[in-house]
Amino acid sequence: MGVPKRKMSKQRKRQRRAHWKIEAPKLVHCPQCQALTVPHRVCSECGYYKGREAVAVNKA
């Protein structure tokens, strides 16, 4: 098993982890109802995906 020969400094460790950022989800407009949705998912507002109704949504 590999064992470190020297202690890794805080700066070196933090530089490596500097790219572990969280990103906001990419959103697109639904072509059917213009609501913001995640791409390649069924629209939660109207239930459409790729121009056809995939899920029946109750309008209550």
C-alpha atoms as a PDB file:
ATOM      1  CA  MET A   1       0.000   0.000   0.000  1.00  0.00           C
ATOM      2  CA  GLY A   2       1.324   3.439  -0.892  1.00  0.00           C
ATOM      3  CA  VAL A   3       2.211   5.600   2.068  1.00  0.00           C
ATOM      4  CA  PRO A   4       3.076   9.324   1.739  1.00  0.00           C
ATOM      5  CA  LYS A   5       6.745  10.032   2.419  1.00  0.00           C
ATOM      6  CA  ARG A   6       6.092  13.664   3.392  1.00  0.00           C
ATOM      7  CA  LYS A   7       3.174  15.552   4.899  1.00  0.00           C
ATOM      8  CA  MET A   8       1.074  17.280   2.252  1.00  0.00           C
ATOM      9  CA  SER A   9       0.823  20.990   2.993  1.00  0.00           C
ATOM     10  CA  LYS A  10      -2.559  22.692   3.431  1.00  0.00           C
ATOM     11  CA  GLN A  11      -1.905  24.923   0.427  1.00  0.00           C
ATOM     12  CA  ARG A  12      -1.140  22.006  -1.907  1.00  0.00           C
ATOM     13  CA  LYS A  13      -4.206  20.121  -0.709  1.00  0.00           C
ATOM     14  CA  ARG A  14      -6.469  23.153  -1.140  1.00  0.00           C
ATOM     15  CA  GLN A  15      -5.103  23.921  -4.610  1.00  0.00           C
ATOM     16  CA  ARG A  16      -6.030  20.427  -5.731  1.00  0.00           C
ATOM     17  CA  ARG A  17      -9.557  20.812  -4.358  1.00  0.00           C
ATOM     18  CA  ALA A  18     -10.054  24.298  -5.813  1.00  0.00           C
ATOM     19  CA  HIS A  19     -11.966  22.876  -8.793  1.00  0.00           C
ATOM     20  CA  TRP A  20     -14.567  21.036  -6.710  1.00  0.00           C
ATOM     21  CA  LYS A  21     -17.155  23.750  -7.271  1.00  0.00           C
ATOM     22  CA  ILE A  22     -20.890  23.253  -7.350  1.00  0.00           C
ATOM     23  CA  GLU A  23     -22.658  24.609 -10.439  1.00  0.00           C
ATOM     24  CA  ALA A  24     -26.182  25.852 -10.919  1.00  0.00           C
ATOM     25  CA  PRO A  25     -28.250  23.526 -13.126  1.00  0.00           C
ATOM     26  CA  LYS A  26     -28.468  24.466 -16.797  1.00  0.00           C
ATOM     27  CA  LEU A  27     -32.021  25.473 -17.651  1.00  0.00           C
ATOM     28  CA  VAL A  28     -33.789  25.765 -21.008  1.00  0.00           C
ATOM     29  CA  HIS A  29     -37.236  27.027 -21.998  1.00  0.00           C
ATOM     30  CA  CYS A  30     -39.859  24.381 -22.708  1.00  0.00           C
ATOM     31  CA  PRO A  31     -40.993  24.797 -26.340  1.00  0.00           C
ATOM     32  CA  GLN A  32     -44.570  23.957 -25.337  1.00  0.00           C
ATOM     33  CA  CYS A  33     -45.202  26.227 -22.322  1.00  0.00           C
ATOM     34  CA  GLN A  34     -41.989  28.329 -22.081  1.00  0.00           C
ATOM     35  CA  ALA A  35     -41.336  27.221 -18.477  1.00  0.00           C
ATOM     36  CA  LEU A  36     -37.713  26.763 -17.385  1.00  0.00           C
ATOM     37  CA  THR A  37     -36.790  23.072 -17.262  1.00  0.00           C
ATOM     38  CA  VAL A  38     -33.687  20.901 -17.114  1.00  0.00           C
ATOM     39  CA  PRO A  39     -32.711  19.750 -20.633  1.00  0.00           C
ATOM     40  CA  HIS A  40     -33.603  16.182 -21.733  1.00  0.00           C
ATOM     41  CA  ARG A  41     -36.281  15.818 -19.026  1.00  0.00           C
ATOM     42  CA  VAL A  42     -40.079  15.884 -19.126  1.00  0.00           C
ATOM     43  CA  CYS A  43     -41.411  19.378 -18.406  1.00  0.00           C
ATOM     44  CA  SER A  44     -42.949  19.392 -14.931  1.00  0.00           C
ATOM     45  CA  GLU A  45     -45.382  22.182 -15.888  1.00  0.00           C
ATOM     46  CA  CYS A  46     -47.004  20.728 -19.021  1.00  0.00           C
ATOM     47  CA  GLY A  47     -45.743  17.112 -19.115  1.00  0.00           C
ATOM     48  CA  TYR A  48     -44.379  17.372 -22.675  1.00  0.00           C
ATOM     49  CA  TYR A  49     -41.101  15.946 -23.977  1.00  0.00           C
ATOM     50  CA  LYS A  50     -39.862  16.209 -27.589  1.00  0.00           C
ATOM     51  CA  GLY A  51     -43.156  17.661 -28.808  1.00  0.00           C
ATOM     52  CA  ARG A  52     -45.461  14.978 -27.410  1.00  0.00           C
ATOM     53  CA  GLU A  53     -47.243  14.509 -24.109  1.00  0.00           C
ATOM     54  CA  ALA A  54     -45.203  12.092 -22.034  1.00  0.00           C
ATOM     55  CA  VAL A  55     -46.920  12.541 -18.663  1.00  0.00           C
ATOM     56  CA  ALA A  56     -50.469  13.615 -17.934  1.00  0.00           C
ATOM     57  CA  VAL A  57     -50.367  16.663 -15.635  1.00  0.00           C
ATOM     58  CA  ASN A  58     -53.355  17.588 -13.475  1.00  0.00           C
ATOM     59  CA  LYS A  59     -54.245  21.281 -13.735  1.00  0.00           C
ATOM     60  CA  ALA A  60     -55.641  21.901 -10.245  1.00  0.00           C
END
